[in-house]
Amino acid sequence: MAIYDTEEEQVEQLKKWWEANSTSLIAGVVTAIVIVTGWNLWQNHQMEQRGQASALYQNLLDSAGKNDHAGVEKLSDQLATEHGSMAYAHFAALQKAKSKVEQGDLEGAKAILQQQVQNPGSEELQHVARLRLIQLMLATGQYEEGLKLIAAVDPAKAEGFAVNYDELEGDLYVAMDRLDEARNAYQNAIKTGQATSFVQFKLDDIATPDFNPEAAK
């Protein structure tokens, strides 16, 4: 009977424990189910959104390949509205800026690129947008503005882009006929080990006695 009594006591203890904890236990299970279900729904939603954004961006690239500037602008705006937090929207904005340049709307392209430079989502995209903006400033005679943009770049965060900034800095100084500073910039670009042979050509070119800065613009 001692064993039986012990089993009876154990059953009774389990009943009491269940009565005391059943509500919180069930609530915990339900909460876990809700969390897992919600997470799966969110993941599925994100995948669906990425798929939609990818399809729109591919359509935009197709439009760009056909020189359909209206299509590029429409799809870029749609991506910005519907998927603004995704990288696809920022890539689309760069394509839209390129389309503006092809149409001769340099100021419109600058406005788009200036907005992308402020994009907090990706430092790499910021660098690409900034470099393209500086190229437009070089093309439109905004040399000092271009130099200021380069000076504002944190070298520690520009890994992989330093050679591009140095080369553009050299181009800007050449356009301003400040050849000593241009040489330093080109030499810095070469020191990165990532410069193309064209940078060396630019450096050699401004070293010649009969170099004409106007002809280089």
N, C-alpha and C. Protein backbone atom coordinates (compact mmCIF):
# COMPACT_ATOMS: atom_id res chain seq x y z
N MET A 1 0.82 -1.21 0.00
CA MET A 1 0.00 0.00 0.00
C MET A 1 0.86 1.27 0.00
N ALA A 2 2.11 1.14 0.50
CA ALA A 2 2.97 2.32 0.56
C ALA A 2 3.25 2.84 -0.84
N ILE A 3 3.47 1.86 -1.79
CA ILE A 3 3.73 2.26 -3.17
C ILE A 3 2.50 2.92 -3.76
N TYR A 4 1.35 2.32 -3.52
CA TYR A 4 0.08 2.85 -4.04
C TYR A 4 -0.18 4.25 -3.51
N ASP A 5 0.06 4.40 -2.19
CA ASP A 5 -0.14 5.72 -1.59
C ASP A 5 0.78 6.75 -2.22
N THR A 6 2.02 6.30 -2.43
CA THR A 6 2.99 7.23 -3.04
C THR A 6 2.54 7.64 -4.43
N GLU A 7 2.05 6.69 -5.24
CA GLU A 7 1.57 6.99 -6.59
C GLU A 7 0.36 7.92 -6.53
N GLU A 8 -0.54 7.63 -5.53
CA GLU A 8 -1.70 8.49 -5.36
C GLU A 8 -1.28 9.93 -5.05
N GLU A 9 -0.27 10.03 -4.17
CA GLU A 9 0.21 11.35 -3.80
C GLU A 9 0.83 12.07 -5.02
N GLN A 10 1.56 11.31 -5.82
CA GLN A 10 2.18 11.89 -7.00
C GLN A 10 1.13 12.39 -7.99
N VAL A 11 0.10 11.59 -8.17
CA VAL A 11 -0.99 12.00 -9.07
C VAL A 11 -1.66 13.25 -8.55
N GLU A 12 -1.87 13.28 -7.25
CA GLU A 12 -2.53 14.43 -6.63
C GLU A 12 -1.67 15.69 -6.78
N GLN A 13 -0.35 15.50 -6.62
CA GLN A 13 0.56 16.64 -6.78
C GLN A 13 0.54 17.15 -8.22
N LEU A 14 0.49 16.22 -9.17
CA LEU A 14 0.43 16.60 -10.57
C LEU A 14 -0.85 17.36 -10.88
N LYS A 15 -1.96 16.90 -10.30
CA LYS A 15 -3.24 17.60 -10.49
C LYS A 15 -3.16 19.03 -9.97
N LYS A 16 -2.60 19.15 -8.75
CA LYS A 16 -2.49 20.48 -8.16
C LYS A 16 -1.58 21.39 -9.00
N TRP A 17 -0.45 20.78 -9.48
CA TRP A 17 0.46 21.57 -10.30
C TRP A 17 -0.21 22.04 -11.59
N TRP A 18 -0.98 21.13 -12.19
CA TRP A 18 -1.68 21.46 -13.43
C TRP A 18 -2.71 22.57 -13.21
N GLU A 19 -3.45 22.47 -12.12
CA GLU A 19 -4.45 23.49 -11.81
C GLU A 19 -3.80 24.85 -11.60
N ALA A 20 -2.61 24.83 -11.00
CA ALA A 20 -1.93 26.09 -10.70
C ALA A 20 -1.23 26.68 -11.93
N ASN A 21 -0.80 25.83 -12.86
CA ASN A 21 0.05 26.31 -13.96
C ASN A 21 -0.53 26.11 -15.36
N SER A 22 -1.68 25.49 -15.46
CA SER A 22 -2.22 25.18 -16.78
C SER A 22 -2.46 26.43 -17.62
N THR A 23 -2.97 27.47 -16.98
CA THR A 23 -3.29 28.70 -17.75
C THR A 23 -2.03 29.31 -18.36
N SER A 24 -0.99 29.47 -17.53
CA SER A 24 0.24 30.07 -18.04
C SER A 24 0.93 29.16 -19.05
N LEU A 25 0.83 27.83 -18.82
CA LEU A 25 1.45 26.89 -19.75
C LEU A 25 0.78 26.95 -21.12
N ILE A 26 -0.54 26.95 -21.12
CA ILE A 26 -1.28 27.03 -22.38
C ILE A 26 -1.00 28.36 -23.07
N ALA A 27 -0.97 29.42 -22.28
CA ALA A 27 -0.69 30.74 -22.85
C ALA A 27 0.70 30.77 -23.49
N GLY A 28 1.66 30.13 -22.83
CA GLY A 28 3.01 30.09 -23.38
C GLY A 28 3.07 29.32 -24.69
N VAL A 29 2.35 28.19 -24.73
CA VAL A 29 2.32 27.39 -25.96
C VAL A 29 1.67 28.18 -27.08
N VAL A 30 0.55 28.83 -26.76
CA VAL A 30 -0.16 29.62 -27.77
C VAL A 30 0.73 30.76 -28.27
N THR A 31 1.41 31.41 -27.33
CA THR A 31 2.31 32.51 -27.71
C THR A 31 3.42 32.03 -28.64
N ALA A 32 3.98 30.86 -28.30
CA ALA A 32 5.05 30.29 -29.14
C ALA A 32 4.53 29.99 -30.54
N ILE A 33 3.32 29.44 -30.61
CA ILE A 33 2.73 29.12 -31.91
C ILE A 33 2.50 30.40 -32.72
N VAL A 34 1.99 31.43 -32.03
CA VAL A 34 1.75 32.72 -32.70
C VAL A 34 3.05 33.31 -33.22
N ILE A 35 4.11 33.26 -32.40
CA ILE A 35 5.40 33.82 -32.79
C ILE A 35 5.97 33.09 -34.01
N VAL A 36 5.94 31.76 -33.95
CA VAL A 36 6.48 30.97 -35.06
C VAL A 36 5.67 31.20 -36.33
N THR A 37 4.33 31.21 -36.18
CA THR A 37 3.47 31.45 -37.34
C THR A 37 3.70 32.84 -37.92
N GLY A 38 3.77 33.83 -37.02
CA GLY A 38 4.01 35.20 -37.47
C GLY A 38 5.34 35.34 -38.18
N TRP A 39 6.37 34.69 -37.64
CA TRP A 39 7.69 34.76 -38.25
C TRP A 39 7.68 34.15 -39.65
N ASN A 40 7.01 33.00 -39.77
CA ASN A 40 6.93 32.35 -41.08
C ASN A 40 6.17 33.22 -42.08
N LEU A 41 5.08 33.84 -41.61
CA LEU A 41 4.31 34.72 -42.49
C LEU A 41 5.16 35.92 -42.93
N TRP A 42 5.93 36.47 -41.98
CA TRP A 42 6.79 37.62 -42.29
C TRP A 42 7.88 37.24 -43.29
N GLN A 43 8.48 36.05 -43.09
CA GLN A 43 9.50 35.58 -44.02
C GLN A 43 8.93 35.39 -45.42
N ASN A 44 7.72 34.80 -45.48
CA ASN A 44 7.07 34.61 -46.78
C ASN A 44 6.75 35.95 -47.43
N HIS A 45 6.32 36.90 -46.61
CA HIS A 45 6.01 38.24 -47.13
C HIS A 45 7.26 38.90 -47.68
N GLN A 46 8.38 38.78 -46.94
CA GLN A 46 9.63 39.37 -47.38
C GLN A 46 10.10 38.75 -48.69
N MET A 47 9.97 37.43 -48.79
CA MET A 47 10.38 36.75 -50.02
C MET A 47 9.52 37.22 -51.20
N GLU A 48 8.24 37.38 -50.93
CA GLU A 48 7.34 37.85 -51.98
C GLU A 48 7.70 39.26 -52.40
N GLN A 49 8.00 40.12 -51.42
CA GLN A 49 8.38 41.49 -51.73
C GLN A 49 9.68 41.55 -52.53
N ARG A 50 10.65 40.72 -52.14
CA ARG A 50 11.92 40.69 -52.87
C ARG A 50 11.70 40.22 -54.31
N GLY A 51 10.81 39.23 -54.47
CA GLY A 51 10.51 38.74 -55.80
C GLY A 51 9.88 39.81 -56.66
N GLN A 52 8.95 40.56 -56.09
CA GLN A 52 8.29 41.64 -56.83
C GLN A 52 9.29 42.74 -57.21
N ALA A 53 10.14 43.10 -56.24
CA ALA A 53 11.13 44.15 -56.49
C ALA A 53 12.12 43.71 -57.57
N SER A 54 12.53 42.46 -57.51
CA SER A 54 13.47 41.93 -58.49
C SER A 54 12.86 41.97 -59.90
N ALA A 55 11.59 41.60 -59.99
CA ALA A 55 10.91 41.60 -61.30
C ALA A 55 10.80 43.02 -61.85
N LEU A 56 10.46 43.97 -60.99
CA LEU A 56 10.37 45.36 -61.43
C LEU A 56 11.72 45.89 -61.89
N TYR A 57 12.76 45.53 -61.16
CA TYR A 57 14.10 46.01 -61.53
C TYR A 57 14.55 45.41 -62.86
N GLN A 58 14.22 44.15 -63.08
CA GLN A 58 14.57 43.52 -64.35
C GLN A 58 13.84 44.21 -65.50
N ASN A 59 12.57 44.55 -65.27
CA ASN A 59 11.81 45.29 -66.28
C ASN A 59 12.45 46.65 -66.55
N LEU A 60 12.95 47.29 -65.49
CA LEU A 60 13.62 48.58 -65.63
C LEU A 60 14.88 48.43 -66.49
N LEU A 61 15.66 47.38 -66.23
CA LEU A 61 16.87 47.15 -67.03
C LEU A 61 16.53 46.90 -68.49
N ASP A 62 15.43 46.18 -68.72
CA ASP A 62 14.98 45.95 -70.09
C ASP A 62 14.62 47.27 -70.76
N SER A 63 13.96 48.15 -70.01
CA SER A 63 13.59 49.46 -70.55
C SER A 63 14.84 50.29 -70.85
N ALA A 64 15.82 50.21 -69.96
CA ALA A 64 17.06 50.95 -70.16
C ALA A 64 17.78 50.45 -71.42
N GLY A 65 17.75 49.13 -71.62
CA GLY A 65 18.39 48.56 -72.79
C GLY A 65 17.74 49.00 -74.09
N LYS A 66 16.48 49.39 -74.01
CA LYS A 66 15.74 49.85 -75.19
C LYS A 66 15.73 51.38 -75.29
N ASN A 67 16.49 52.03 -74.40
CA ASN A 67 16.49 53.50 -74.33
C ASN A 67 15.09 54.06 -74.09
N ASP A 68 14.30 53.29 -73.35
CA ASP A 68 12.95 53.72 -72.99
C ASP A 68 13.05 54.54 -71.70
N HIS A 69 13.37 55.82 -71.82
CA HIS A 69 13.60 56.66 -70.65
C HIS A 69 12.34 56.83 -69.81
N ALA A 70 11.19 56.91 -70.45
CA ALA A 70 9.94 57.04 -69.71
C ALA A 70 9.68 55.79 -68.88
N GLY A 71 9.99 54.63 -69.45
CA GLY A 71 9.81 53.37 -68.72
C GLY A 71 10.73 53.27 -67.53
N VAL A 72 11.99 53.70 -67.72
CA VAL A 72 12.96 53.67 -66.63
C VAL A 72 12.48 54.55 -65.48
N GLU A 73 12.02 55.75 -65.80
CA GLU A 73 11.58 56.67 -64.76
C GLU A 73 10.35 56.14 -64.03
N LYS A 74 9.40 55.60 -64.78
CA LYS A 74 8.18 55.08 -64.18
C LYS A 74 8.48 53.92 -63.23
N LEU A 75 9.32 52.98 -63.68
CA LEU A 75 9.63 51.81 -62.86
C LEU A 75 10.50 52.19 -61.66
N SER A 76 11.38 53.16 -61.85
CA SER A 76 12.21 53.63 -60.73
C SER A 76 11.33 54.25 -59.65
N ASP A 77 10.39 55.06 -60.08
CA ASP A 77 9.48 55.69 -59.11
C ASP A 77 8.61 54.64 -58.41
N GLN A 78 8.19 53.61 -59.15
CA GLN A 78 7.38 52.55 -58.55
C GLN A 78 8.18 51.78 -57.51
N LEU A 79 9.43 51.48 -57.83
CA LEU A 79 10.27 50.79 -56.85
C LEU A 79 10.49 51.64 -55.61
N ALA A 80 10.68 52.94 -55.79
CA ALA A 80 10.88 53.84 -54.65
C ALA A 80 9.64 53.88 -53.76
N THR A 81 8.47 53.86 -54.39
CA THR A 81 7.21 53.94 -53.64
C THR A 81 6.88 52.63 -52.93
N GLU A 82 7.04 51.51 -53.63
CA GLU A 82 6.59 50.22 -53.12
C GLU A 82 7.68 49.43 -52.39
N HIS A 83 8.95 49.69 -52.72
CA HIS A 83 10.04 48.91 -52.12
C HIS A 83 11.21 49.82 -51.77
N GLY A 84 10.90 50.98 -51.22
CA GLY A 84 11.91 52.00 -50.98
C GLY A 84 13.05 51.59 -50.07
N SER A 85 12.83 50.61 -49.19
CA SER A 85 13.87 50.21 -48.25
C SER A 85 14.82 49.16 -48.83
N MET A 86 14.50 48.66 -50.02
CA MET A 86 15.32 47.60 -50.61
C MET A 86 16.39 48.19 -51.52
N ALA A 87 17.47 47.43 -51.68
CA ALA A 87 18.57 47.88 -52.53
C ALA A 87 18.12 48.08 -53.97
N TYR A 88 17.13 47.30 -54.40
CA TYR A 88 16.65 47.44 -55.78
C TYR A 88 16.20 48.88 -56.06
N ALA A 89 15.57 49.51 -55.09
CA ALA A 89 15.09 50.88 -55.28
C ALA A 89 16.26 51.84 -55.48
N HIS A 90 17.36 51.60 -54.77
CA HIS A 90 18.52 52.48 -54.89
C HIS A 90 19.28 52.22 -56.20
N PHE A 91 19.35 50.96 -56.61
CA PHE A 91 19.94 50.66 -57.92
C PHE A 91 19.10 51.30 -59.02
N ALA A 92 17.80 51.25 -58.84
CA ALA A 92 16.89 51.86 -59.83
C ALA A 92 17.11 53.37 -59.91
N ALA A 93 17.35 53.99 -58.77
CA ALA A 93 17.59 55.44 -58.76
C ALA A 93 18.86 55.78 -59.54
N LEU A 94 19.88 54.94 -59.42
CA LEU A 94 21.12 55.17 -60.17
C LEU A 94 20.85 55.03 -61.68
N GLN A 95 20.01 54.08 -62.04
CA GLN A 95 19.64 53.93 -63.45
C GLN A 95 18.84 55.13 -63.94
N LYS A 96 17.99 55.64 -63.07
CA LYS A 96 17.19 56.82 -63.43
C LYS A 96 18.11 58.03 -63.66
N ALA A 97 19.11 58.18 -62.79
CA ALA A 97 20.07 59.28 -62.95
C ALA A 97 20.82 59.14 -64.27
N LYS A 98 21.21 57.92 -64.61
CA LYS A 98 21.91 57.67 -65.87
C LYS A 98 21.01 58.04 -67.05
N SER A 99 19.74 57.68 -66.93
CA SER A 99 18.78 58.01 -67.99
C SER A 99 18.65 59.52 -68.15
N LYS A 100 18.66 60.24 -67.03
CA LYS A 100 18.59 61.71 -67.08
C LYS A 100 19.79 62.28 -67.82
N VAL A 101 20.97 61.71 -67.56
CA VAL A 101 22.19 62.18 -68.23
C VAL A 101 22.07 61.95 -69.73
N GLU A 102 21.58 60.78 -70.11
CA GLU A 102 21.44 60.45 -71.53
C GLU A 102 20.47 61.40 -72.23
N GLN A 103 19.53 61.94 -71.46
CA GLN A 103 18.58 62.89 -72.04
C GLN A 103 19.08 64.33 -71.96
N GLY A 104 20.26 64.52 -71.37
CA GLY A 104 20.81 65.86 -71.25
C GLY A 104 20.35 66.63 -70.04
N ASP A 105 19.62 65.96 -69.16
CA ASP A 105 19.11 66.62 -67.95
C ASP A 105 20.11 66.40 -66.81
N LEU A 106 21.22 67.11 -66.86
CA LEU A 106 22.27 66.90 -65.87
C LEU A 106 21.87 67.35 -64.48
N GLU A 107 21.11 68.43 -64.40
CA GLU A 107 20.67 68.91 -63.08
C GLU A 107 19.72 67.91 -62.44
N GLY A 108 18.85 67.31 -63.25
CA GLY A 108 17.95 66.29 -62.73
C GLY A 108 18.72 65.09 -62.23
N ALA A 109 19.76 64.70 -62.96
CA ALA A 109 20.60 63.58 -62.54
C ALA A 109 21.32 63.90 -61.24
N LYS A 110 21.83 65.13 -61.12
CA LYS A 110 22.52 65.54 -59.89
C LYS A 110 21.59 65.45 -58.68
N ALA A 111 20.35 65.89 -58.86
CA ALA A 111 19.40 65.88 -57.74
C ALA A 111 19.16 64.45 -57.25
N ILE A 112 19.05 63.51 -58.19
CA ILE A 112 18.84 62.11 -57.82
C ILE A 112 20.06 61.57 -57.09
N LEU A 113 21.24 61.84 -57.62
CA LEU A 113 22.47 61.33 -57.01
C LEU A 113 22.72 61.94 -55.64
N GLN A 114 22.42 63.22 -55.48
CA GLN A 114 22.58 63.87 -54.18
C GLN A 114 21.69 63.20 -53.14
N GLN A 115 20.50 62.80 -53.54
CA GLN A 115 19.60 62.09 -52.62
C GLN A 115 20.17 60.73 -52.26
N GLN A 116 20.75 60.04 -53.23
CA GLN A 116 21.31 58.72 -52.97
C GLN A 116 22.57 58.77 -52.11
N VAL A 117 23.30 59.87 -52.18
CA VAL A 117 24.47 60.03 -51.33
C VAL A 117 24.06 60.03 -49.86
N GLN A 118 22.84 60.47 -49.59
CA GLN A 118 22.33 60.51 -48.22
C GLN A 118 21.70 59.19 -47.80
N ASN A 119 21.65 58.21 -48.70
CA ASN A 119 21.02 56.92 -48.41
C ASN A 119 21.77 56.20 -47.29
N PRO A 120 21.10 55.94 -46.16
CA PRO A 120 21.79 55.31 -45.03
C PRO A 120 21.91 53.80 -45.14
N GLY A 121 21.31 53.23 -46.18
CA GLY A 121 21.24 51.77 -46.25
C GLY A 121 22.53 51.08 -46.65
N SER A 122 23.33 51.71 -47.49
CA SER A 122 24.51 51.03 -48.01
C SER A 122 25.63 52.04 -48.29
N GLU A 123 26.76 51.85 -47.64
CA GLU A 123 27.91 52.74 -47.87
C GLU A 123 28.43 52.57 -49.30
N GLU A 124 28.36 51.33 -49.82
CA GLU A 124 28.85 51.08 -51.18
C GLU A 124 28.02 51.88 -52.19
N LEU A 125 26.70 51.87 -52.04
CA LEU A 125 25.86 52.63 -52.95
C LEU A 125 26.08 54.13 -52.78
N GLN A 126 26.35 54.55 -51.56
CA GLN A 126 26.67 55.96 -51.33
C GLN A 126 27.91 56.37 -52.12
N HIS A 127 28.93 55.52 -52.09
CA HIS A 127 30.16 55.83 -52.82
C HIS A 127 29.91 55.89 -54.33
N VAL A 128 29.15 54.93 -54.84
CA VAL A 128 28.86 54.91 -56.28
C VAL A 128 28.12 56.19 -56.67
N ALA A 129 27.11 56.56 -55.88
CA ALA A 129 26.33 57.77 -56.18
C ALA A 129 27.21 59.01 -56.09
N ARG A 130 28.07 59.07 -55.06
CA ARG A 130 28.93 60.24 -54.88
C ARG A 130 29.93 60.37 -56.04
N LEU A 131 30.51 59.26 -56.46
CA LEU A 131 31.47 59.29 -57.55
C LEU A 131 30.81 59.76 -58.85
N ARG A 132 29.61 59.29 -59.09
CA ARG A 132 28.90 59.72 -60.31
C ARG A 132 28.52 61.20 -60.22
N LEU A 133 28.19 61.64 -59.03
CA LEU A 133 27.86 63.05 -58.84
C LEU A 133 29.09 63.92 -59.09
N ILE A 134 30.23 63.48 -58.59
CA ILE A 134 31.47 64.24 -58.81
C ILE A 134 31.81 64.28 -60.31
N GLN A 135 31.58 63.19 -61.01
CA GLN A 135 31.83 63.17 -62.46
C GLN A 135 30.95 64.20 -63.17
N LEU A 136 29.71 64.32 -62.73
CA LEU A 136 28.82 65.32 -63.32
C LEU A 136 29.29 66.73 -62.98
N MET A 137 29.78 66.92 -61.76
CA MET A 137 30.30 68.23 -61.38
C MET A 137 31.52 68.59 -62.21
N LEU A 138 32.36 67.59 -62.49
CA LEU A 138 33.51 67.82 -63.36
C LEU A 138 33.05 68.23 -64.75
N ALA A 139 32.01 67.57 -65.24
CA ALA A 139 31.52 67.85 -66.59
C ALA A 139 30.84 69.21 -66.70
N THR A 140 30.32 69.71 -65.59
CA THR A 140 29.59 70.98 -65.62
C THR A 140 30.38 72.14 -65.01
N GLY A 141 31.66 71.92 -64.76
CA GLY A 141 32.50 73.01 -64.27
C GLY A 141 32.38 73.32 -62.79
N GLN A 142 31.77 72.43 -62.01
CA GLN A 142 31.65 72.65 -60.57
C GLN A 142 32.83 72.00 -59.85
N TYR A 143 34.01 72.48 -60.16
CA TYR A 143 35.24 71.84 -59.68
C TYR A 143 35.40 71.92 -58.16
N GLU A 144 35.19 73.09 -57.62
CA GLU A 144 35.34 73.25 -56.17
C GLU A 144 34.33 72.40 -55.41
N GLU A 145 33.10 72.33 -55.93
CA GLU A 145 32.06 71.51 -55.28
C GLU A 145 32.47 70.04 -55.29
N GLY A 146 33.06 69.61 -56.41
CA GLY A 146 33.51 68.22 -56.50
C GLY A 146 34.62 67.92 -55.50
N LEU A 147 35.55 68.85 -55.36
CA LEU A 147 36.65 68.66 -54.40
C LEU A 147 36.13 68.61 -52.97
N LYS A 148 35.11 69.42 -52.68
CA LYS A 148 34.53 69.41 -51.33
C LYS A 148 33.89 68.05 -51.03
N LEU A 149 33.23 67.48 -52.02
CA LEU A 149 32.62 66.16 -51.81
C LEU A 149 33.69 65.11 -51.52
N ILE A 150 34.80 65.19 -52.24
CA ILE A 150 35.88 64.23 -52.01
C ILE A 150 36.50 64.44 -50.63
N ALA A 151 36.70 65.69 -50.24
CA ALA A 151 37.32 66.00 -48.95
C ALA A 151 36.46 65.52 -47.78
N ALA A 152 35.15 65.42 -48.01
CA ALA A 152 34.24 65.02 -46.93
C ALA A 152 34.20 63.50 -46.71
N VAL A 153 34.83 62.76 -47.61
CA VAL A 153 34.82 61.30 -47.51
C VAL A 153 35.80 60.84 -46.43
N ASP A 154 35.33 59.93 -45.58
CA ASP A 154 36.18 59.35 -44.55
C ASP A 154 37.03 58.25 -45.19
N PRO A 155 38.35 58.41 -45.28
CA PRO A 155 39.20 57.41 -45.94
C PRO A 155 39.03 56.01 -45.34
N ALA A 156 38.77 55.95 -44.05
CA ALA A 156 38.61 54.65 -43.39
C ALA A 156 37.38 53.90 -43.88
N LYS A 157 36.42 54.65 -44.44
CA LYS A 157 35.19 54.02 -44.92
C LYS A 157 35.13 53.96 -46.44
N ALA A 158 36.24 54.29 -47.07
CA ALA A 158 36.26 54.35 -48.54
C ALA A 158 37.10 53.24 -49.15
N GLU A 159 37.33 52.17 -48.38
CA GLU A 159 38.15 51.08 -48.88
C GLU A 159 37.55 50.52 -50.17
N GLY A 160 38.38 50.37 -51.18
CA GLY A 160 37.90 49.88 -52.46
C GLY A 160 37.49 50.98 -53.41
N PHE A 161 37.32 52.20 -52.88
CA PHE A 161 36.92 53.33 -53.71
C PHE A 161 37.97 54.44 -53.72
N ALA A 162 39.01 54.29 -52.92
CA ALA A 162 40.03 55.34 -52.79
C ALA A 162 40.65 55.68 -54.14
N VAL A 163 40.93 54.67 -54.95
CA VAL A 163 41.55 54.91 -56.25
C VAL A 163 40.65 55.77 -57.13
N ASN A 164 39.33 55.56 -57.05
CA ASN A 164 38.39 56.35 -57.86
C ASN A 164 38.35 57.80 -57.41
N TYR A 165 38.35 57.99 -56.08
CA TYR A 165 38.35 59.36 -55.56
C TYR A 165 39.64 60.08 -55.92
N ASP A 166 40.77 59.38 -55.80
CA ASP A 166 42.06 60.02 -56.12
C ASP A 166 42.13 60.40 -57.59
N GLU A 167 41.67 59.52 -58.45
CA GLU A 167 41.71 59.83 -59.89
C GLU A 167 40.81 61.01 -60.22
N LEU A 168 39.61 61.02 -59.65
CA LEU A 168 38.70 62.15 -59.90
C LEU A 168 39.26 63.45 -59.33
N GLU A 169 39.91 63.35 -58.18
CA GLU A 169 40.54 64.54 -57.60
C GLU A 169 41.59 65.09 -58.56
N GLY A 170 42.38 64.18 -59.15
CA GLY A 170 43.36 64.61 -60.13
C GLY A 170 42.71 65.27 -61.34
N ASP A 171 41.60 64.69 -61.81
CA ASP A 171 40.89 65.26 -62.96
C ASP A 171 40.39 66.66 -62.65
N LEU A 172 39.87 66.84 -61.44
CA LEU A 172 39.35 68.16 -61.06
C LEU A 172 40.48 69.20 -60.99
N TYR A 173 41.62 68.79 -60.44
CA TYR A 173 42.75 69.73 -60.36
C TYR A 173 43.28 70.06 -61.74
N VAL A 174 43.30 69.08 -62.63
CA VAL A 174 43.74 69.35 -64.00
C VAL A 174 42.82 70.39 -64.64
N ALA A 175 41.50 70.20 -64.45
CA ALA A 175 40.53 71.14 -65.02
C ALA A 175 40.72 72.55 -64.46
N MET A 176 41.27 72.65 -63.25
CA MET A 176 41.51 73.95 -62.62
C MET A 176 42.93 74.45 -62.88
N ASP A 177 43.69 73.67 -63.66
CA ASP A 177 45.07 74.02 -63.99
C ASP A 177 45.95 74.09 -62.73
N ARG A 178 45.65 73.21 -61.77
CA ARG A 178 46.46 73.10 -60.57
C ARG A 178 47.21 71.78 -60.67
N LEU A 179 48.26 71.81 -61.49
CA LEU A 179 48.90 70.57 -61.93
C LEU A 179 49.69 69.86 -60.84
N ASP A 180 50.32 70.61 -59.94
CA ASP A 180 51.07 69.96 -58.87
C ASP A 180 50.13 69.11 -58.00
N GLU A 181 48.98 69.66 -57.69
CA GLU A 181 48.00 68.93 -56.88
C GLU A 181 47.42 67.76 -57.67
N ALA A 182 47.28 67.95 -58.97
CA ALA A 182 46.79 66.86 -59.82
C ALA A 182 47.78 65.70 -59.81
N ARG A 183 49.07 66.00 -59.91
CA ARG A 183 50.09 64.96 -59.90
C ARG A 183 50.03 64.17 -58.59
N ASN A 184 49.92 64.89 -57.48
CA ASN A 184 49.84 64.22 -56.18
C ASN A 184 48.64 63.27 -56.12
N ALA A 185 47.51 63.73 -56.64
CA ALA A 185 46.30 62.92 -56.61
C ALA A 185 46.47 61.66 -57.47
N TYR A 186 47.01 61.82 -58.66
CA TYR A 186 47.22 60.67 -59.53
C TYR A 186 48.23 59.70 -58.93
N GLN A 187 49.28 60.24 -58.31
CA GLN A 187 50.28 59.38 -57.66
C GLN A 187 49.65 58.60 -56.51
N ASN A 188 48.75 59.24 -55.76
CA ASN A 188 48.04 58.55 -54.67
C ASN A 188 47.18 57.42 -55.23
N ALA A 189 46.56 57.68 -56.37
CA ALA A 189 45.74 56.64 -56.99
C ALA A 189 46.60 55.45 -57.38
N ILE A 190 47.76 55.72 -57.95
CA ILE A 190 48.66 54.64 -58.37
C ILE A 190 49.18 53.86 -57.17
N LYS A 191 49.41 54.55 -56.05
CA LYS A 191 49.91 53.89 -54.85
C LYS A 191 48.92 52.87 -54.27
N THR A 192 47.65 53.02 -54.58
CA THR A 192 46.67 52.06 -54.06
C THR A 192 46.85 50.68 -54.67
N GLY A 193 47.54 50.63 -55.83
CA GLY A 193 47.73 49.35 -56.51
C GLY A 193 46.52 48.93 -57.31
N GLN A 194 45.51 49.79 -57.38
CA GLN A 194 44.28 49.44 -58.08
C GLN A 194 44.03 50.34 -59.29
N ALA A 195 44.93 51.24 -59.56
CA ALA A 195 44.73 52.18 -60.65
C ALA A 195 44.91 51.49 -62.00
N THR A 196 44.19 51.97 -63.00
CA THR A 196 44.34 51.46 -64.35
C THR A 196 45.54 52.15 -65.01
N SER A 197 45.95 51.62 -66.14
CA SER A 197 47.07 52.22 -66.86
C SER A 197 46.73 53.63 -67.35
N PHE A 198 45.42 53.92 -67.43
CA PHE A 198 45.01 55.24 -67.90
C PHE A 198 45.40 56.33 -66.90
N VAL A 199 45.44 55.98 -65.62
CA VAL A 199 45.84 56.96 -64.60
C VAL A 199 47.31 57.31 -64.80
N GLN A 200 48.13 56.31 -65.07
CA GLN A 200 49.54 56.57 -65.34
C GLN A 200 49.68 57.43 -66.59
N PHE A 201 48.85 57.18 -67.58
CA PHE A 201 48.87 58.00 -68.79
C PHE A 201 48.54 59.45 -68.46
N LYS A 202 47.54 59.67 -67.60
CA LYS A 202 47.17 61.03 -67.20
C LYS A 202 48.34 61.71 -66.49
N LEU A 203 48.99 60.95 -65.62
CA LEU A 203 50.13 61.51 -64.87
C LEU A 203 51.26 61.87 -65.82
N ASP A 204 51.56 60.99 -66.75
CA ASP A 204 52.63 61.26 -67.71
C ASP A 204 52.27 62.44 -68.60
N ASP A 205 50.99 62.56 -68.92
CA ASP A 205 50.54 63.60 -69.83
C ASP A 205 50.76 65.00 -69.26
N ILE A 206 50.46 65.16 -67.96
CA ILE A 206 50.61 66.50 -67.37
C ILE A 206 52.05 66.81 -67.01
N ALA A 207 52.92 65.81 -67.19
CA ALA A 207 54.34 66.05 -66.93
C ALA A 207 55.05 66.60 -68.16
N THR A 208 54.39 66.56 -69.31
CA THR A 208 55.01 67.05 -70.54
C THR A 208 55.01 68.57 -70.57
N PRO A 209 56.05 69.19 -71.10
CA PRO A 209 56.16 70.66 -71.10
C PRO A 209 55.05 71.35 -71.87
N ASP A 210 54.55 70.70 -72.93
CA ASP A 210 53.55 71.36 -73.78
C ASP A 210 52.12 70.96 -73.41
N PHE A 211 51.94 70.48 -72.16
CA PHE A 211 50.60 70.06 -71.76
C PHE A 211 49.64 71.24 -71.72
N ASN A 212 48.43 71.01 -72.26
CA ASN A 212 47.40 72.05 -72.31
C ASN A 212 46.18 71.59 -71.52
N PRO A 213 45.93 72.17 -70.34
CA PRO A 213 44.79 71.75 -69.51
C PRO A 213 43.46 71.87 -70.24
N GLU A 214 43.31 72.85 -71.09
CA GLU A 214 42.05 73.04 -71.81
C GLU A 214 41.77 71.88 -72.73
N ALA A 215 42.81 71.35 -73.33
CA ALA A 215 42.63 70.22 -74.24
C ALA A 215 42.27 68.95 -73.50
N ALA A 216 42.62 68.88 -72.22
CA ALA A 216 42.36 67.67 -71.43
C ALA A 216 40.95 67.63 -70.90
N LYS A 217 40.23 68.74 -70.95
CA LYS A 217 38.87 68.80 -70.39
C LYS A 217 37.89 68.05 -71.29
